[in-house]
Protein backbone atom coordinates (compact mmCIF):
# COMPACT_ATOMS: atom_id res chain seq x y z
CA MET A 1 40.52 1.96 -22.78
CA ALA A 2 40.56 4.14 -19.67
CA ASN A 3 38.13 4.28 -16.76
CA LEU A 4 37.07 7.94 -16.79
CA THR A 5 34.59 10.27 -15.17
CA LEU A 6 32.49 12.45 -17.45
CA ILE A 7 34.65 15.53 -16.84
CA GLN A 8 37.80 13.51 -17.55
CA ALA A 9 36.23 12.27 -20.78
CA VAL A 10 35.54 15.85 -21.86
CA ASN A 11 39.14 16.78 -21.04
CA ARG A 12 40.52 13.84 -23.01
CA GLY A 13 38.23 14.70 -25.90
CA LEU A 14 39.56 18.25 -26.03
CA HIS A 15 43.17 17.02 -25.85
CA ASP A 16 42.61 14.54 -28.68
CA ALA A 17 40.79 17.05 -30.89
CA MET A 18 43.49 19.68 -30.44
CA ALA A 19 46.26 17.18 -31.08
CA GLU A 20 44.60 16.04 -34.31
CA ASP A 21 43.53 19.42 -35.70
CA GLY A 22 45.57 22.62 -35.35
CA ASP A 23 42.47 24.71 -36.11
CA VAL A 24 40.79 23.76 -32.82
CA VAL A 25 41.14 26.56 -30.26
CA VAL A 26 39.81 26.72 -26.69
CA PHE A 27 39.09 29.85 -24.68
CA GLY A 28 36.82 31.29 -22.01
CA GLU A 29 36.82 32.54 -18.44
CA ASP A 30 39.59 30.84 -16.41
CA VAL A 31 40.03 28.00 -18.91
CA ALA A 32 43.77 28.45 -19.48
CA ARG A 33 45.85 28.95 -16.34
CA LYS A 34 43.25 27.51 -13.97
CA GLY A 35 42.00 24.83 -16.36
CA GLY A 36 38.36 25.80 -15.89
CA VAL A 37 36.16 25.90 -12.80
CA PHE A 38 35.60 22.14 -13.08
CA LEU A 39 39.06 21.46 -14.63
CA ALA A 40 37.59 20.44 -17.98
CA THR A 41 40.43 22.25 -19.76
CA ASP A 42 43.18 21.24 -17.34
CA GLY A 43 46.57 20.79 -19.06
CA LEU A 44 45.56 22.26 -22.42
CA LEU A 45 47.55 25.47 -21.98
CA ASP A 46 50.76 23.62 -21.11
CA THR A 47 50.36 21.30 -24.08
CA TYR A 48 49.11 23.61 -26.84
CA GLY A 49 50.25 27.07 -25.76
CA LYS A 50 48.64 30.46 -25.29
CA GLU A 51 47.86 30.95 -28.99
CA ARG A 52 45.34 28.10 -28.90
CA VAL A 53 44.27 28.13 -25.23
CA PHE A 54 43.62 31.46 -23.54
CA ASP A 55 41.63 33.22 -20.84
CA THR A 56 39.10 35.91 -21.74
CA PRO A 57 37.47 38.85 -19.99
CA LEU A 58 34.18 38.25 -18.17
CA SER A 59 32.08 38.91 -21.27
CA GLU A 60 30.02 36.05 -22.63
CA CYS A 61 28.84 38.22 -25.51
CA GLY A 62 32.46 38.92 -26.38
CA ILE A 63 33.48 35.28 -26.03
CA VAL A 64 30.81 34.02 -28.41
CA GLY A 65 31.16 36.93 -30.83
CA THR A 66 34.89 36.26 -31.07
CA ALA A 67 34.22 32.56 -31.61
CA ILE A 68 31.81 33.33 -34.47
CA GLY A 69 34.44 35.45 -36.22
CA MET A 70 37.08 32.75 -35.74
CA ALA A 71 34.75 30.07 -37.10
CA MET A 72 33.90 32.09 -40.20
CA TYR A 73 37.61 32.67 -40.73
CA GLY A 74 38.29 28.92 -40.82
CA LEU A 75 39.14 27.96 -37.24
CA LYS A 76 37.19 25.54 -35.03
CA PRO A 77 36.65 27.41 -31.77
CA VAL A 78 35.44 25.62 -28.64
CA PRO A 79 34.54 28.45 -26.26
CA GLU A 80 33.47 27.65 -22.73
CA ILE A 81 30.67 29.49 -20.94
CA GLN A 82 31.52 28.95 -17.29
CA PHE A 83 27.94 28.05 -16.30
CA ALA A 84 24.89 27.69 -18.53
CA ASP A 85 23.27 30.38 -16.38
CA PHE A 86 25.83 32.86 -17.75
CA ILE A 87 25.01 32.18 -21.41
CA PHE A 88 22.23 34.76 -21.68
CA PRO A 89 24.46 37.82 -22.31
CA ALA A 90 25.58 35.92 -25.44
CA PHE A 91 22.05 34.98 -26.47
CA ASP A 92 21.82 37.52 -29.28
CA GLN A 93 25.16 36.45 -30.75
CA ILE A 94 24.08 32.80 -30.65
CA VAL A 95 20.54 33.03 -32.00
CA SER A 96 20.85 36.08 -34.28
CA GLU A 97 24.33 35.53 -35.70
CA ALA A 98 25.74 32.01 -35.26
CA ALA A 99 22.47 30.17 -35.85
CA LYS A 100 21.54 32.20 -38.94
CA MET A 101 24.88 32.63 -40.71
CA ARG A 102 24.45 29.67 -43.06
CA TYR A 103 20.99 30.87 -44.06
CA ARG A 104 21.73 34.57 -44.44
CA SER A 105 24.80 33.84 -46.60
CA ALA A 106 23.01 31.24 -48.74
CA GLY A 107 25.50 28.61 -47.60
CA GLN A 108 28.63 30.64 -48.35
CA TYR A 109 29.58 30.80 -44.67
CA THR A 110 29.17 28.39 -41.80
CA VAL A 111 29.98 28.69 -38.10
CA PRO A 112 31.71 25.45 -37.02
CA MET A 113 31.98 26.15 -33.30
CA VAL A 114 31.08 24.29 -30.12
CA ILE A 115 29.88 26.21 -27.08
CA ARG A 116 30.59 24.03 -24.05
CA THR A 117 28.78 24.85 -20.82
CA PRO A 118 28.01 23.06 -17.52
CA SER A 119 24.26 22.75 -17.07
CA GLY A 120 21.67 21.79 -14.48
CA GLY A 121 21.50 21.35 -10.73
CA GLY A 122 22.85 18.81 -8.33
CA ILE A 123 25.72 20.79 -6.76
CA LYS A 124 23.69 23.24 -4.62
CA GLY A 125 24.69 26.16 -6.77
CA GLY A 126 21.46 28.08 -6.33
CA HIS A 127 19.58 29.99 -8.97
CA TYR A 128 22.65 31.45 -10.72
CA HIS A 129 24.53 28.17 -11.14
CA SER A 130 21.87 25.49 -11.67
CA GLN A 131 19.59 26.39 -14.58
CA SER A 132 18.75 24.16 -17.54
CA PRO A 133 18.18 26.51 -20.51
CA GLU A 134 18.20 23.94 -23.31
CA ALA A 135 14.66 24.71 -24.52
CA TYR A 136 15.66 28.25 -25.56
CA PHE A 137 18.22 26.86 -27.98
CA CYS A 138 16.19 23.91 -29.24
CA HIS A 139 13.66 26.53 -30.36
CA THR A 140 16.27 28.19 -32.60
CA PRO A 141 16.71 26.82 -36.15
CA GLY A 142 20.34 26.53 -37.13
CA LEU A 143 21.60 25.31 -33.76
CA LYS A 144 22.36 21.77 -32.68
CA VAL A 145 21.86 20.96 -29.01
CA VAL A 146 23.61 18.07 -27.30
CA MET A 147 23.60 16.79 -23.72
CA PRO A 148 25.45 13.54 -22.89
CA SER A 149 24.82 11.44 -19.79
CA THR A 150 27.83 9.09 -19.87
CA PRO A 151 31.60 9.55 -20.17
CA TYR A 152 31.68 7.50 -23.40
CA ASP A 153 29.04 9.68 -25.01
CA ALA A 154 30.59 12.89 -23.67
CA LYS A 155 33.86 12.29 -25.49
CA GLY A 156 32.28 10.86 -28.64
CA LEU A 157 29.62 13.54 -28.97
CA LEU A 158 32.18 16.28 -28.31
CA GLN A 159 34.28 15.02 -31.21
CA ALA A 160 31.22 14.86 -33.45
CA ALA A 161 30.31 18.42 -32.43
CA ILE A 162 33.80 19.72 -33.21
CA ASP A 163 33.65 18.03 -36.63
CA ASP A 164 30.21 19.50 -37.38
CA PRO A 165 30.09 22.44 -39.81
CA ASP A 166 27.37 24.21 -37.84
CA PRO A 167 27.19 25.67 -34.31
CA VAL A 168 26.58 23.21 -31.48
CA ILE A 169 25.52 23.99 -27.92
CA PHE A 170 27.15 21.29 -25.81
CA PHE A 171 25.49 21.09 -22.39
CA GLU A 172 27.41 19.11 -19.78
CA PRO A 173 25.35 17.93 -16.78
CA LYS A 174 27.61 18.95 -13.92
CA ALA A 175 25.79 16.66 -11.47
CA LEU A 176 27.39 13.80 -13.45
CA TYR A 177 30.86 15.31 -13.82
CA ARG A 178 32.42 13.09 -11.15
CA SER A 179 29.58 10.81 -10.08
CA VAL A 180 29.86 8.25 -12.91
CA LYS A 181 32.76 6.34 -14.43
CA GLU A 182 33.03 3.98 -17.37
CA GLU A 183 35.48 2.63 -19.91
CA VAL A 184 36.26 5.19 -22.61
CA PRO A 185 38.42 4.42 -25.68
CA GLU A 186 41.74 6.15 -26.09
CA GLY A 187 42.10 8.36 -29.15
CA GLN A 188 39.43 9.93 -31.31
CA TYR A 189 36.00 8.46 -32.00
CA SER A 190 32.58 9.96 -32.70
CA VAL A 191 29.07 9.33 -31.46
CA PRO A 192 26.71 10.54 -34.20
CA ILE A 193 24.69 13.64 -33.41
CA GLY A 194 20.97 12.97 -33.81
CA THR A 195 20.83 9.44 -32.39
CA VAL A 196 19.46 8.15 -29.08
CA ARG A 197 21.00 5.66 -26.66
CA HIS A 198 18.81 2.72 -25.68
CA VAL A 199 19.53 2.39 -21.96
CA ARG A 200 17.06 -0.29 -20.89
CA SER A 201 14.51 -2.49 -22.58
CA GLY A 202 11.02 -2.72 -21.10
CA SER A 203 7.41 -3.50 -21.93
CA ASP A 204 5.14 -1.43 -19.67
CA CYS A 205 6.24 2.21 -19.88
CA THR A 206 8.79 4.27 -21.80
CA LEU A 207 10.92 6.83 -19.96
CA LEU A 208 12.41 9.61 -22.10
CA ALA A 209 15.24 11.57 -20.51
CA TYR A 210 18.60 13.25 -21.09
CA GLY A 211 21.53 14.46 -19.05
CA ALA A 212 21.44 13.83 -15.30
CA MET A 213 17.84 12.63 -15.47
CA VAL A 214 18.85 9.41 -17.23
CA ARG A 215 20.37 8.05 -14.02
CA ILE A 216 17.26 9.11 -12.09
CA CYS A 217 15.18 7.08 -14.52
CA GLU A 218 17.47 4.09 -14.07
CA GLU A 219 16.99 4.28 -10.30
CA ALA A 220 13.22 4.46 -10.74
CA ALA A 221 13.22 1.53 -13.17
CA GLU A 222 15.13 -0.64 -10.71
CA GLN A 223 12.62 0.21 -8.00
CA LEU A 224 9.64 -0.46 -10.27
CA GLN A 225 11.08 -3.77 -11.43
CA THR A 226 10.54 -5.13 -7.91
CA GLU A 227 6.86 -4.23 -8.32
CA GLY A 228 6.56 -6.08 -11.61
CA ILE A 229 6.64 -2.95 -13.80
CA SER A 230 9.05 -3.07 -16.74
CA CYS A 231 10.44 0.26 -18.02
CA GLU A 232 12.00 1.11 -21.35
CA ILE A 233 14.56 3.96 -21.00
CA VAL A 234 15.71 6.12 -23.89
CA ASP A 235 18.55 8.62 -23.45
CA LEU A 236 17.92 11.31 -26.07
CA ARG A 237 21.57 12.55 -26.06
CA THR A 238 20.78 15.02 -28.85
CA LEU A 239 17.80 17.35 -28.47
CA ALA A 240 18.27 19.11 -31.80
CA PRO A 241 18.18 17.34 -34.16
CA LEU A 242 15.97 14.87 -32.32
CA ASP A 243 15.87 11.21 -33.28
CA GLU A 244 12.09 11.31 -33.69
CA GLU A 245 11.64 7.83 -35.09
CA ALA A 246 13.53 6.20 -32.22
CA VAL A 247 11.41 8.12 -29.71
CA LEU A 248 8.17 7.13 -31.43
CA ASP A 249 9.20 3.48 -31.77
CA ALA A 250 9.99 3.29 -28.05
CA VAL A 251 6.64 4.80 -27.10
CA LYS A 252 4.71 2.60 -29.51
CA LYS A 253 6.39 -0.43 -27.96
CA THR A 254 4.97 0.16 -24.47
CA GLY A 255 1.94 2.37 -25.09
CA ARG A 256 2.82 4.59 -22.12
CA CYS A 257 5.31 7.41 -21.71
CA VAL A 258 6.82 9.51 -18.93
CA VAL A 259 9.11 12.39 -19.92
CA VAL A 260 11.72 13.46 -17.36
CA TYR A 261 13.70 16.71 -17.39
CA GLU A 262 14.95 19.09 -14.69
CA ALA A 263 14.13 22.41 -16.35
CA PRO A 264 10.88 24.15 -15.32
CA ARG A 265 7.89 22.12 -16.45
CA SER A 266 6.01 24.70 -18.56
CA CYS A 267 7.29 25.05 -22.14
CA GLY A 268 10.23 22.76 -21.36
CA PHE A 269 11.62 20.31 -23.90
CA GLY A 270 9.31 17.65 -22.49
CA ALA A 271 6.36 19.59 -23.88
CA GLU A 272 7.81 19.23 -27.38
CA LEU A 273 8.30 15.50 -26.86
CA SER A 274 4.72 15.20 -25.62
CA ALA A 275 3.41 17.07 -28.66
CA LEU A 276 5.42 14.87 -31.03
CA ILE A 277 4.01 11.70 -29.47
CA ALA A 278 0.45 13.06 -29.40
CA GLU A 279 0.65 14.04 -33.08
CA ARG A 280 2.25 10.88 -34.42
CA ALA A 281 1.58 8.03 -32.02
CA ILE A 282 -1.62 8.82 -30.14
CA GLU A 283 -3.35 5.68 -31.40
CA TYR A 284 -0.72 3.59 -29.60
CA LEU A 285 -1.16 5.26 -26.22
CA GLU A 286 -2.94 3.52 -23.36
CA ALA A 287 -2.52 6.43 -20.93
CA PRO A 288 -1.81 10.18 -21.00
CA ILE A 289 1.78 11.33 -21.40
CA TYR A 290 3.12 12.43 -18.02
CA ARG A 291 5.90 14.93 -17.36
CA VAL A 292 8.20 14.84 -14.35
CA ALA A 293 10.19 18.07 -14.25
CA GLY A 294 11.39 20.99 -12.21
CA PHE A 295 8.83 23.43 -10.87
CA ASP A 296 7.88 26.75 -12.45
CA THR A 297 9.98 28.74 -10.01
CA PRO A 298 13.53 30.10 -9.93
CA PHE A 299 15.94 27.31 -9.00
CA PRO A 300 16.03 27.20 -5.18
CA TYR A 301 19.19 26.80 -3.11
CA ALA A 302 17.85 25.41 0.18
CA LEU A 303 15.19 23.28 -1.51
CA GLU A 304 17.24 21.86 -4.39
CA HIS A 305 16.49 18.31 -3.21
CA TYR A 306 12.78 19.08 -3.50
CA TYR A 307 13.00 20.88 -6.85
CA MET A 308 15.06 18.26 -8.67
CA PRO A 309 13.12 15.28 -10.08
CA ASN A 310 14.01 12.11 -8.21
CA ALA A 311 13.38 8.40 -8.58
CA GLN A 312 10.34 8.54 -6.32
CA ARG A 313 8.61 11.19 -8.45
CA VAL A 314 9.40 9.27 -11.64
CA ALA A 315 8.14 6.00 -10.15
CA LEU A 316 4.91 7.69 -9.05
CA ALA A 317 4.27 8.93 -12.61
CA VAL A 318 4.97 5.49 -14.07
CA ARG A 319 2.55 3.85 -11.62
CA LYS A 320 -0.07 6.42 -12.57
CA ALA A 321 0.42 5.67 -16.26
CA CYS A 322 0.26 1.92 -15.73
CA ALA A 323 -2.88 2.17 -13.59
CA TYR A 324 -4.73 4.47 -15.98
């Protein structure tokens, strides 16, 4: 076991995967000589050489298009998009090609690739380095969408994503890159895609969150505990496929639900969670489903602290649900 930050866990996961499987290749903007903007790929070039770890031009469309061709040829590419905000030039390649290849070829071809990208706010990166675009990709059949919130899950889910025969969008909450540490096993292990993590057991209200918002929910739950309010917290970990039964069971247990995510509120992934609960568990609800999210504006630089959901906003929503 090693006590690692989330970014260190990602780095170890890449090292282990490349050591185990010669078909795993890593590339992207500044990932080789520099080791990535956040050093997620630090040391890979020295260990595995320029044939398996290389820098690319500043062309996200080219990066992903190349990865698709490699994957169809039999490799397991793990391209990095430097920030999730930069993924949009590759959007057509992802949703029109990678996501649909299995279907259009009647299963003859698959695209076993993992697109890693830092996501979300928390580092005062402004509107070009802080977006949370997960809902775009959850809307696309054929893609799997993952966002860990702990170092243990980051390494285990990354291995599961690399082993998966279909394309995976692997969002890494950069606000957590170096702010959390925990014991992470040495060597390879997998955390199954499509399962939640039960963070905290409670009886009064269920908090559904993922990525950096899980820690915000934990802070709110600690605060509410002093007021006699008990919160259940579920870390989704995987948005597509979603562990629907685990979500519904957690909401049925408490009868109240607050969904927390940092993307803009309207049409965010929290809306899908709310619809799922309303369709399949409405008879268990004792209050409306509340959403705590970012605002429907471009991500602000100077007002990041106001835009990002915090423990106070989550606690206020839980109190509202419990008082309904």
